[in-house]
C-alpha cells in the first residue's frame, strides 16, 4: 500500500504592492523558487512547501528574512510572521480580497519607509548608591539596622527603603527615555517602545523612518551617544517594517498575523 503524500502548501513571506519582477529568481524555504499570487496592486510572495509547520531555527529564519529584505529593495512590503503557511492560491487570494482595505492602508503608512531599531543599556547601580537618595530617605536605612526594633518592623522599613530606591532609579531612567524618544521621534513617522524590559536594558524601540532620512537618524543616535556617555546604544536596521504592519489575516483557531515583533530591533 502506497504512503499518502502530503499535499503541497504555500509558504508566505509577505504582501507587496504589485507583482514580482527583478527578484523572480530568488529561492526561499526548501530551496523552492518564490513567486507572486495576486494582482498588479496587491500580491502575496510565496513558495511551494511540503511542510505545514517550520521549526524556529536560525538558518530558516535567515532564509525568511533574506527573501523579505529582497522584497523591500523594489516594493512596499508587509512582512509576514515566520512560518506562515496557507493551503493554496485560492486561500491567499480570498485573504487578500477580504483584507484589501486594511492592506492598502498599511501600504500607505509604510511606503517609502523602513524600520530602525534602537536599544539603550544602562547601569542603575550608581543611582542606587546611598549618596544618590535624598537625605530624608537615607535616614531610613540606619533605623533598619538598629537591634532594638522588632524583626517585622525591620522588614517593613527595609522594603520601604528598597521601594524608594527603585522609584529614584525609575525617575532617572524616565528622564533619559523621555529625551531619547523626543529626539529620535523628530525624524520618525511612528514608533513602538518598551521601557525597562530588563534591569540593564533601559529602552527597546523601533522607529518608522523615511528611507532618505536613515543617515540623518543615525546621526541623531550618534549625538545621543556623545551626550549620554553613561549609556550604551545599539542601532540596527534598516529592516522591513515588522513592528508597523500588524493585521489579522485569518479568523479561525489557527490565526495568522503579519509579524508584529521584528527579529532584531526589539
C-alpha atoms as a PDB file:
ATOM      1  CA  UNK A   1       0.000   0.000   0.000  1.00  0.00           C
ATOM      2  CA  UNK A   2       1.445   3.364  -1.022  1.00  0.00           C
ATOM      3  CA  UNK A   3       2.043   6.009   1.633  1.00  0.00           C
ATOM      4  CA  UNK A   4      -0.222   9.031   1.382  1.00  0.00           C
ATOM      5  CA  UNK A   5       1.699  12.016   0.053  1.00  0.00           C
ATOM      6  CA  UNK A   6       1.397  15.303   1.894  1.00  0.00           C
ATOM      7  CA  UNK A   7      -0.333  17.927  -0.251  1.00  0.00           C
ATOM      8  CA  UNK A   8       1.924  20.871  -1.067  1.00  0.00           C
ATOM      9  CA  UNK A   9       1.041  24.186   0.577  1.00  0.00           C
ATOM     10  CA  UNK A  10       2.310  27.721   0.109  1.00  0.00           C
ATOM     11  CA  UNK A  11       4.789  29.406   2.435  1.00  0.00           C
ATOM     12  CA  UNK A  12       4.061  33.148   2.605  1.00  0.00           C
ATOM     13  CA  UNK A  13       6.876  35.710   3.019  1.00  0.00           C
ATOM     14  CA  UNK A  14       4.940  38.925   2.688  1.00  0.00           C
ATOM     15  CA  UNK A  15       2.444  41.017   0.779  1.00  0.00           C
ATOM     16  CA  UNK A  16       3.699  43.538  -1.782  1.00  0.00           C
ATOM     17  CA  UNK A  17       2.180  46.383  -3.771  1.00  0.00           C
ATOM     18  CA  UNK A  18       2.452  44.676  -7.152  1.00  0.00           C
ATOM     19  CA  UNK A  19       3.939  41.607  -8.783  1.00  0.00           C
ATOM     20  CA  UNK A  20       7.465  40.255  -8.622  1.00  0.00           C
ATOM     21  CA  UNK A  21       9.957  41.480 -11.170  1.00  0.00           C
ATOM     22  CA  UNK A  22      13.673  41.759 -10.524  1.00  0.00           C
ATOM     23  CA  UNK A  23      13.854  39.079  -7.808  1.00  0.00           C
ATOM     24  CA  UNK A  24      11.925  36.302  -9.520  1.00  0.00           C
ATOM     25  CA  UNK A  25      14.984  34.044  -9.465  1.00  0.00           C
ATOM     26  CA  UNK A  26      15.254  34.160  -5.673  1.00  0.00           C
ATOM     27  CA  UNK A  27      14.762  30.883  -3.804  1.00  0.00           C
ATOM     28  CA  UNK A  28      13.237  30.525  -0.357  1.00  0.00           C
ATOM     29  CA  UNK A  29      12.283  27.730   2.018  1.00  0.00           C
ATOM     30  CA  UNK A  30      13.302  24.223   0.939  1.00  0.00           C
ATOM     31  CA  UNK A  31      15.209  25.932  -1.898  1.00  0.00           C
ATOM     32  CA  UNK A  32      11.943  26.471  -3.761  1.00  0.00           C
ATOM     33  CA  UNK A  33      11.632  29.429  -6.161  1.00  0.00           C
ATOM     34  CA  UNK A  34       9.444  32.281  -4.981  1.00  0.00           C
ATOM     35  CA  UNK A  35       6.570  33.702  -6.995  1.00  0.00           C
ATOM     36  CA  UNK A  36       3.676  36.100  -6.504  1.00  0.00           C
ATOM     37  CA  UNK A  37      -0.032  35.386  -6.219  1.00  0.00           C
ATOM     38  CA  UNK A  38      -2.437  38.276  -6.671  1.00  0.00           C
ATOM     39  CA  UNK A  39      -2.869  41.326  -8.861  1.00  0.00           C
ATOM     40  CA  UNK A  40      -0.909  44.350 -10.031  1.00  0.00           C
ATOM     41  CA  UNK A  41      -1.941  46.181  -6.852  1.00  0.00           C
ATOM     42  CA  UNK A  42      -1.686  43.557  -4.093  1.00  0.00           C
ATOM     43  CA  UNK A  43       0.173  40.257  -4.269  1.00  0.00           C
ATOM     44  CA  UNK A  44       1.450  37.690  -1.797  1.00  0.00           C
ATOM     45  CA  UNK A  45       5.002  36.409  -2.255  1.00  0.00           C
ATOM     46  CA  UNK A  46       5.102  32.655  -1.733  1.00  0.00           C
ATOM     47  CA  UNK A  47       6.941  29.432  -2.461  1.00  0.00           C
ATOM     48  CA  UNK A  48       5.665  25.861  -2.634  1.00  0.00           C
ATOM     49  CA  UNK A  49       6.142  23.965   0.623  1.00  0.00           C
ATOM     50  CA  UNK A  50       5.740  20.311   1.510  1.00  0.00           C
ATOM     51  CA  UNK A  51       5.555  21.319   5.179  1.00  0.00           C
ATOM     52  CA  UNK A  52       2.789  22.934   7.159  1.00  0.00           C
ATOM     53  CA  UNK A  53       4.960  23.692  10.178  1.00  0.00           C
ATOM     54  CA  UNK A  54       8.505  25.028  10.390  1.00  0.00           C
ATOM     55  CA  UNK A  55      10.864  24.772  13.328  1.00  0.00           C
ATOM     56  CA  UNK A  56      12.288  28.021  14.645  1.00  0.00           C
ATOM     57  CA  UNK A  57      15.938  27.710  13.616  1.00  0.00           C
ATOM     58  CA  UNK A  58      18.488  30.411  12.858  1.00  0.00           C
ATOM     59  CA  UNK A  59      19.091  29.036   9.364  1.00  0.00           C
ATOM     60  CA  UNK A  60      15.406  29.092   8.406  1.00  0.00           C
ATOM     61  CA  UNK A  61      14.846  32.494   9.994  1.00  0.00           C
ATOM     62  CA  UNK A  62      17.682  33.877   7.877  1.00  0.00           C
ATOM     63  CA  UNK A  63      16.141  32.425   4.708  1.00  0.00           C
ATOM     64  CA  UNK A  64      12.817  34.054   5.543  1.00  0.00           C
ATOM     65  CA  UNK A  65      14.497  37.377   6.337  1.00  0.00           C
ATOM     66  CA  UNK A  66      16.631  37.281   3.178  1.00  0.00           C
ATOM     67  CA  UNK A  67      13.538  36.987   1.000  1.00  0.00           C
ATOM     68  CA  UNK A  68      11.711  39.768   2.851  1.00  0.00           C
ATOM     69  CA  UNK A  69      14.702  42.117   2.619  1.00  0.00           C
ATOM     70  CA  UNK A  70      14.978  41.402  -1.106  1.00  0.00           C
ATOM     71  CA  UNK A  71      11.323  42.358  -1.487  1.00  0.00           C
ATOM     72  CA  UNK A  72      11.993  45.604   0.365  1.00  0.00           C
ATOM     73  CA  UNK A  73      14.525  46.700  -2.259  1.00  0.00           C
ATOM     74  CA  UNK A  74      11.917  47.002  -5.012  1.00  0.00           C
ATOM     75  CA  UNK A  75       8.478  47.007  -3.360  1.00  0.00           C
ATOM     76  CA  UNK A  76       6.496  48.239  -0.418  1.00  0.00           C
ATOM     77  CA  UNK A  77       6.311  45.085   1.665  1.00  0.00           C
ATOM     78  CA  UNK A  78       4.170  43.951   4.572  1.00  0.00           C
ATOM     79  CA  UNK A  79       6.294  41.166   6.081  1.00  0.00           C
ATOM     80  CA  UNK A  80       4.588  38.028   7.301  1.00  0.00           C
ATOM     81  CA  UNK A  81       5.252  36.192  10.514  1.00  0.00           C
ATOM     82  CA  UNK A  82       7.863  33.466  10.156  1.00  0.00           C
ATOM     83  CA  UNK A  83       6.208  30.112   9.473  1.00  0.00           C
ATOM     84  CA  UNK A  84       3.020  31.433   7.831  1.00  0.00           C
ATOM     85  CA  UNK A  85       1.578  28.737   5.551  1.00  0.00           C
ATOM     86  CA  UNK A  86      -1.669  28.685   3.543  1.00  0.00           C
ATOM     87  CA  UNK A  87      -3.270  25.729   1.803  1.00  0.00           C
ATOM     88  CA  UNK A  88      -3.304  27.030  -1.763  1.00  0.00           C
ATOM     89  CA  UNK A  89      -3.518  30.047  -4.064  1.00  0.00           C
ATOM     90  CA  UNK A  90      -7.285  30.276  -3.646  1.00  0.00           C
ATOM     91  CA  UNK A  91      -6.933  30.743   0.100  1.00  0.00           C
ATOM     92  CA  UNK A  92      -4.381  33.540  -0.166  1.00  0.00           C
ATOM     93  CA  UNK A  93      -6.464  35.274  -2.852  1.00  0.00           C
ATOM     94  CA  UNK A  94      -9.513  35.133  -0.585  1.00  0.00           C
ATOM     95  CA  UNK A  95      -7.485  36.595   2.279  1.00  0.00           C
ATOM     96  CA  UNK A  96      -6.189  39.442   0.101  1.00  0.00           C
ATOM     97  CA  UNK A  97      -9.703  40.232  -1.127  1.00  0.00           C
ATOM     98  CA  UNK A  98     -11.195  40.207   2.370  1.00  0.00           C
ATOM     99  CA  UNK A  99      -8.422  42.382   3.849  1.00  0.00           C
ATOM    100  CA  UNK A 100      -7.741  44.638   0.856  1.00  0.00           C
ATOM    101  CA  UNK A 101      -8.730  47.884   2.603  1.00  0.00           C
ATOM    102  CA  UNK A 102      -6.537  47.177   5.638  1.00  0.00           C
ATOM    103  CA  UNK A 103      -3.658  46.131   3.395  1.00  0.00           C
ATOM    104  CA  UNK A 104      -3.940  49.286   1.274  1.00  0.00           C
ATOM    105  CA  UNK A 105      -3.964  51.424   4.431  1.00  0.00           C
ATOM    106  CA  UNK A 106      -0.775  49.748   5.637  1.00  0.00           C
ATOM    107  CA  UNK A 107       0.859  50.259   2.246  1.00  0.00           C
ATOM    108  CA  UNK A 108       0.130  53.976   2.569  1.00  0.00           C
ATOM    109  CA  UNK A 109       1.580  54.018   6.076  1.00  0.00           C
ATOM    110  CA  UNK A 110       4.902  52.300   5.332  1.00  0.00           C
ATOM    111  CA  UNK A 111       5.514  53.193   1.667  1.00  0.00           C
ATOM    112  CA  UNK A 112       8.996  54.632   1.223  1.00  0.00           C
ATOM    113  CA  UNK A 113       9.890  53.920   4.836  1.00  0.00           C
ATOM    114  CA  UNK A 114      11.961  51.407   6.810  1.00  0.00           C
ATOM    115  CA  UNK A 115      12.190  50.291  10.410  1.00  0.00           C
ATOM    116  CA  UNK A 116      15.173  51.274  12.546  1.00  0.00           C
ATOM    117  CA  UNK A 117      15.865  49.762  15.949  1.00  0.00           C
ATOM    118  CA  UNK A 118      17.477  51.373  18.983  1.00  0.00           C
ATOM    119  CA  UNK A 119      18.318  49.655  22.257  1.00  0.00           C
ATOM    120  CA  UNK A 120      19.685  51.572  25.236  1.00  0.00           C
ATOM    121  CA  UNK A 121      21.622  49.831  28.002  1.00  0.00           C
ATOM    122  CA  UNK A 122      22.457  51.374  31.365  1.00  0.00           C
ATOM    123  CA  UNK A 123      23.905  50.587  34.767  1.00  0.00           C
ATOM    124  CA  UNK A 124      21.435  51.594  37.502  1.00  0.00           C
ATOM    125  CA  UNK A 125      23.789  50.642  40.351  1.00  0.00           C
ATOM    126  CA  UNK A 126      25.360  54.111  40.827  1.00  0.00           C
ATOM    127  CA  UNK A 127      21.871  55.598  41.135  1.00  0.00           C
ATOM    128  CA  UNK A 128      21.070  53.018  43.817  1.00  0.00           C
ATOM    129  CA  UNK A 129      24.032  54.213  45.875  1.00  0.00           C
ATOM    130  CA  UNK A 130      23.048  55.842  49.155  1.00  0.00           C
ATOM    131  CA  UNK A 131      24.509  59.182  48.123  1.00  0.00           C
ATOM    132  CA  UNK A 132      22.040  59.412  45.246  1.00  0.00           C
ATOM    133  CA  UNK A 133      18.977  59.403  47.537  1.00  0.00           C
ATOM    134  CA  UNK A 134      17.589  62.458  49.375  1.00  0.00           C
ATOM    135  CA  UNK A 135      18.809  62.746  52.980  1.00  0.00           C
ATOM    136  CA  UNK A 136      15.316  62.212  54.410  1.00  0.00           C
ATOM    137  CA  UNK A 137      15.234  58.815  52.695  1.00  0.00           C
ATOM    138  CA  UNK A 138      18.720  57.918  53.873  1.00  0.00           C
ATOM    139  CA  UNK A 139      17.603  58.158  57.485  1.00  0.00           C
ATOM    140  CA  UNK A 140      15.524  55.028  56.989  1.00  0.00           C
ATOM    141  CA  UNK A 141      18.494  52.730  56.402  1.00  0.00           C
ATOM    142  CA  UNK A 142      20.340  53.296  59.744  1.00  0.00           C
ATOM    143  CA  UNK A 143      16.998  52.869  61.502  1.00  0.00           C
ATOM    144  CA  UNK A 144      16.565  49.425  59.970  1.00  0.00           C
ATOM    145  CA  UNK A 145      19.965  48.422  61.341  1.00  0.00           C
ATOM    146  CA  UNK A 146      19.089  49.136  64.972  1.00  0.00           C
ATOM    147  CA  UNK A 147      18.902  45.977  67.077  1.00  0.00           C
ATOM    148  CA  UNK A 148      16.114  47.374  69.271  1.00  0.00           C
ATOM    149  CA  UNK A 149      13.433  47.322  66.560  1.00  0.00           C
ATOM    150  CA  UNK A 150      11.357  44.224  66.009  1.00  0.00           C
ATOM    151  CA  UNK A 151      12.080  41.953  63.081  1.00  0.00           C
ATOM    152  CA  UNK A 152       8.735  42.729  61.437  1.00  0.00           C
ATOM    153  CA  UNK A 153       9.388  46.461  61.643  1.00  0.00           C
ATOM    154  CA  UNK A 154      12.886  45.971  60.245  1.00  0.00           C
ATOM    155  CA  UNK A 155      11.493  44.038  57.279  1.00  0.00           C
ATOM    156  CA  UNK A 156       8.895  46.716  56.512  1.00  0.00           C
ATOM    157  CA  UNK A 157      11.447  49.520  56.750  1.00  0.00           C
ATOM    158  CA  UNK A 158      13.883  47.681  54.502  1.00  0.00           C
ATOM    159  CA  UNK A 159      11.126  47.142  51.941  1.00  0.00           C
ATOM    160  CA  UNK A 160      10.230  50.829  52.127  1.00  0.00           C
ATOM    161  CA  UNK A 161      13.851  51.776  51.541  1.00  0.00           C
ATOM    162  CA  UNK A 162      14.077  49.412  48.568  1.00  0.00           C
ATOM    163  CA  UNK A 163      10.917  50.931  47.099  1.00  0.00           C
ATOM    164  CA  UNK A 164      12.317  54.440  47.484  1.00  0.00           C
ATOM    165  CA  UNK A 165      15.499  53.368  45.733  1.00  0.00           C
ATOM    166  CA  UNK A 166      13.552  51.816  42.859  1.00  0.00           C
ATOM    167  CA  UNK A 167      11.468  54.970  42.500  1.00  0.00           C
ATOM    168  CA  UNK A 168      14.636  57.032  42.306  1.00  0.00           C
ATOM    169  CA  UNK A 169      16.132  54.702  39.707  1.00  0.00           C
ATOM    170  CA  UNK A 170      12.971  54.749  37.604  1.00  0.00           C
ATOM    171  CA  UNK A 171      12.764  58.536  37.821  1.00  0.00           C
ATOM    172  CA  UNK A 172      16.308  58.834  36.457  1.00  0.00           C
ATOM    173  CA  UNK A 173      15.549  56.309  33.739  1.00  0.00           C
ATOM    174  CA  UNK A 174      12.329  58.052  32.691  1.00  0.00           C
ATOM    175  CA  UNK A 175      14.254  61.291  32.145  1.00  0.00           C
ATOM    176  CA  UNK A 176      16.720  59.515  29.861  1.00  0.00           C
ATOM    177  CA  UNK A 177      13.923  57.760  27.970  1.00  0.00           C
ATOM    178  CA  UNK A 178      11.858  60.920  27.510  1.00  0.00           C
ATOM    179  CA  UNK A 179      14.739  62.856  25.968  1.00  0.00           C
ATOM    180  CA  UNK A 180      15.871  59.968  23.760  1.00  0.00           C
ATOM    181  CA  UNK A 181      12.385  59.307  22.376  1.00  0.00           C
ATOM    182  CA  UNK A 182      11.707  63.006  21.852  1.00  0.00           C
ATOM    183  CA  UNK A 183      14.910  63.462  19.867  1.00  0.00           C
ATOM    184  CA  UNK A 184      14.543  60.342  17.704  1.00  0.00           C
ATOM    185  CA  UNK A 185      10.825  60.909  17.112  1.00  0.00           C
ATOM    186  CA  UNK A 186      11.656  64.134  15.282  1.00  0.00           C
ATOM    187  CA  UNK A 187      12.650  62.041  12.241  1.00  0.00           C
ATOM    188  CA  UNK A 188      10.142  59.212  12.568  1.00  0.00           C
ATOM    189  CA  UNK A 189       6.528  58.824  11.490  1.00  0.00           C
ATOM    190  CA  UNK A 190       5.708  56.263  14.158  1.00  0.00           C
ATOM    191  CA  UNK A 191       7.395  54.378  16.970  1.00  0.00           C
ATOM    192  CA  UNK A 192       6.903  51.457  19.313  1.00  0.00           C
ATOM    193  CA  UNK A 193       8.874  51.213  22.534  1.00  0.00           C
ATOM    194  CA  UNK A 194       9.268  49.154  25.680  1.00  0.00           C
ATOM    195  CA  UNK A 195      10.634  50.832  28.813  1.00  0.00           C
ATOM    196  CA  UNK A 196      12.740  48.920  31.357  1.00  0.00           C
ATOM    197  CA  UNK A 197      12.318  45.486  29.707  1.00  0.00           C
ATOM    198  CA  UNK A 198      15.160  44.215  31.912  1.00  0.00           C
ATOM    199  CA  UNK A 199      17.202  45.695  34.738  1.00  0.00           C
ATOM    200  CA  UNK A 200      20.086  46.572  32.410  1.00  0.00           C
ATOM    201  CA  UNK A 201      18.026  47.336  29.295  1.00  0.00           C
ATOM    202  CA  UNK A 202      16.610  50.818  29.711  1.00  0.00           C
ATOM    203  CA  UNK A 203      14.763  51.061  26.395  1.00  0.00           C
ATOM    204  CA  UNK A 204      13.994  48.973  23.316  1.00  0.00           C
ATOM    205  CA  UNK A 205      12.384  50.922  20.492  1.00  0.00           C
ATOM    206  CA  UNK A 206      11.631  50.743  16.788  1.00  0.00           C
ATOM    207  CA  UNK A 207      11.039  53.744  14.546  1.00  0.00           C
ATOM    208  CA  UNK A 208       9.355  54.092  11.161  1.00  0.00           C
ATOM    209  CA  UNK A 209      11.626  56.364   9.124  1.00  0.00           C
ATOM    210  CA  UNK A 210      11.767  57.559   5.520  1.00  0.00           C
ATOM    211  CA  UNK A 211      14.468  55.769   3.548  1.00  0.00           C
ATOM    212  CA  UNK A 212      16.036  59.118   2.733  1.00  0.00           C
ATOM    213  CA  UNK A 213      16.320  60.019   6.427  1.00  0.00           C
ATOM    214  CA  UNK A 214      18.193  56.920   7.609  1.00  0.00           C
ATOM    215  CA  UNK A 215      21.588  58.673   7.638  1.00  0.00           C
ATOM    216  CA  UNK A 216      20.163  61.688   9.487  1.00  0.00           C
ATOM    217  CA  UNK A 217      18.506  59.386  12.027  1.00  0.00           C
ATOM    218  CA  UNK A 218      21.793  57.578  12.615  1.00  0.00           C
ATOM    219  CA  UNK A 219      23.429  60.967  13.187  1.00  0.00           C
ATOM    220  CA  UNK A 220      20.874  61.676  15.920  1.00  0.00           C
ATOM    221  CA  UNK A 221      21.813  58.381  17.564  1.00  0.00           C
ATOM    222  CA  UNK A 222      25.488  59.372  17.406  1.00  0.00           C
ATOM    223  CA  UNK A 223      24.642  62.685  19.077  1.00  0.00           C
ATOM    224  CA  UNK A 224      22.870  60.822  21.866  1.00  0.00           C
ATOM    225  CA  UNK A 225      25.892  58.545  22.300  1.00  0.00           C
ATOM    226  CA  UNK A 226      28.062  61.639  22.800  1.00  0.00           C
ATOM    227  CA  UNK A 227      25.550  63.269  25.133  1.00  0.00           C
ATOM    228  CA  UNK A 228      24.942  60.199  27.301  1.00  0.00           C
ATOM    229  CA  UNK A 229      28.311  58.539  27.746  1.00  0.00           C
ATOM    230  CA  UNK A 230      26.970  56.657  30.773  1.00  0.00           C
ATOM    231  CA  UNK A 231      24.572  54.813  28.439  1.00  0.00           C
ATOM    232  CA  UNK A 232      25.263  52.256  25.701  1.00  0.00           C
ATOM    233  CA  UNK A 233      23.338  52.448  22.415  1.00  0.00           C
ATOM    234  CA  UNK A 234      22.723  49.675  19.892  1.00  0.00           C
ATOM    235  CA  UNK A 235      21.455  50.849  16.491  1.00  0.00           C
ATOM    236  CA  UNK A 236      20.130  48.300  13.973  1.00  0.00           C
ATOM    237  CA  UNK A 237      18.496  48.414  10.550  1.00  0.00           C
ATOM    238  CA  UNK A 238      17.196  49.264   8.145  1.00  0.00           C
ATOM    239  CA  UNK A 239      14.620  46.495   8.496  1.00  0.00           C
ATOM    240  CA  UNK A 240      11.317  45.743   6.804  1.00  0.00           C
ATOM    241  CA  UNK A 241       8.562  47.432   8.867  1.00  0.00           C
ATOM    242  CA  UNK A 242       7.750  44.417  11.058  1.00  0.00           C
ATOM    243  CA  UNK A 243       6.521  46.464  14.012  1.00  0.00           C
ATOM    244  CA  UNK A 244       4.187  48.649  11.974  1.00  0.00           C
ATOM    245  CA  UNK A 245       2.224  46.165   9.851  1.00  0.00           C
ATOM    246  CA  UNK A 246       0.119  44.137  12.245  1.00  0.00           C
ATOM    247  CA  UNK A 247      -3.042  42.835  10.619  1.00  0.00           C
ATOM    248  CA  UNK A 248      -5.171  39.749  11.182  1.00  0.00           C
ATOM    249  CA  UNK A 249      -5.363  37.509   8.133  1.00  0.00           C
ATOM    250  CA  UNK A 250      -7.451  34.592   9.379  1.00  0.00           C
ATOM    251  CA  UNK A 251     -10.372  34.261  11.744  1.00  0.00           C
ATOM    252  CA  UNK A 252     -10.005  30.700  12.933  1.00  0.00           C
ATOM    253  CA  UNK A 253      -8.360  28.586  15.578  1.00  0.00           C
ATOM    254  CA  UNK A 254      -5.075  28.882  13.688  1.00  0.00           C
ATOM    255  CA  UNK A 255      -4.835  32.635  13.395  1.00  0.00           C
ATOM    256  CA  UNK A 256      -2.154  34.109  11.193  1.00  0.00           C
ATOM    257  CA  UNK A 257      -0.849  37.635  11.644  1.00  0.00           C
ATOM    258  CA  UNK A 258       1.604  39.868   9.941  1.00  0.00           C
ATOM    259  CA  UNK A 259       4.632  39.894  12.179  1.00  0.00           C
ATOM    260  CA  UNK A 260       4.402  42.468  14.955  1.00  0.00           C
ATOM    261  CA  UNK A 261       7.809  41.749  16.509  1.00  0.00           C
ATOM    262  CA  UNK A 262      10.965  42.092  14.477  1.00  0.00           C
ATOM    263  CA  UNK A 263      13.801  39.546  14.579  1.00  0.00           C
ATOM    264  CA  UNK A 264      16.348  42.026  15.862  1.00  0.00           C
ATOM    265  CA  UNK A 265      15.278  45.571  16.750  1.00  0.00           C
ATOM    266  CA  UNK A 266      13.138  44.554  19.725  1.00  0.00           C
END
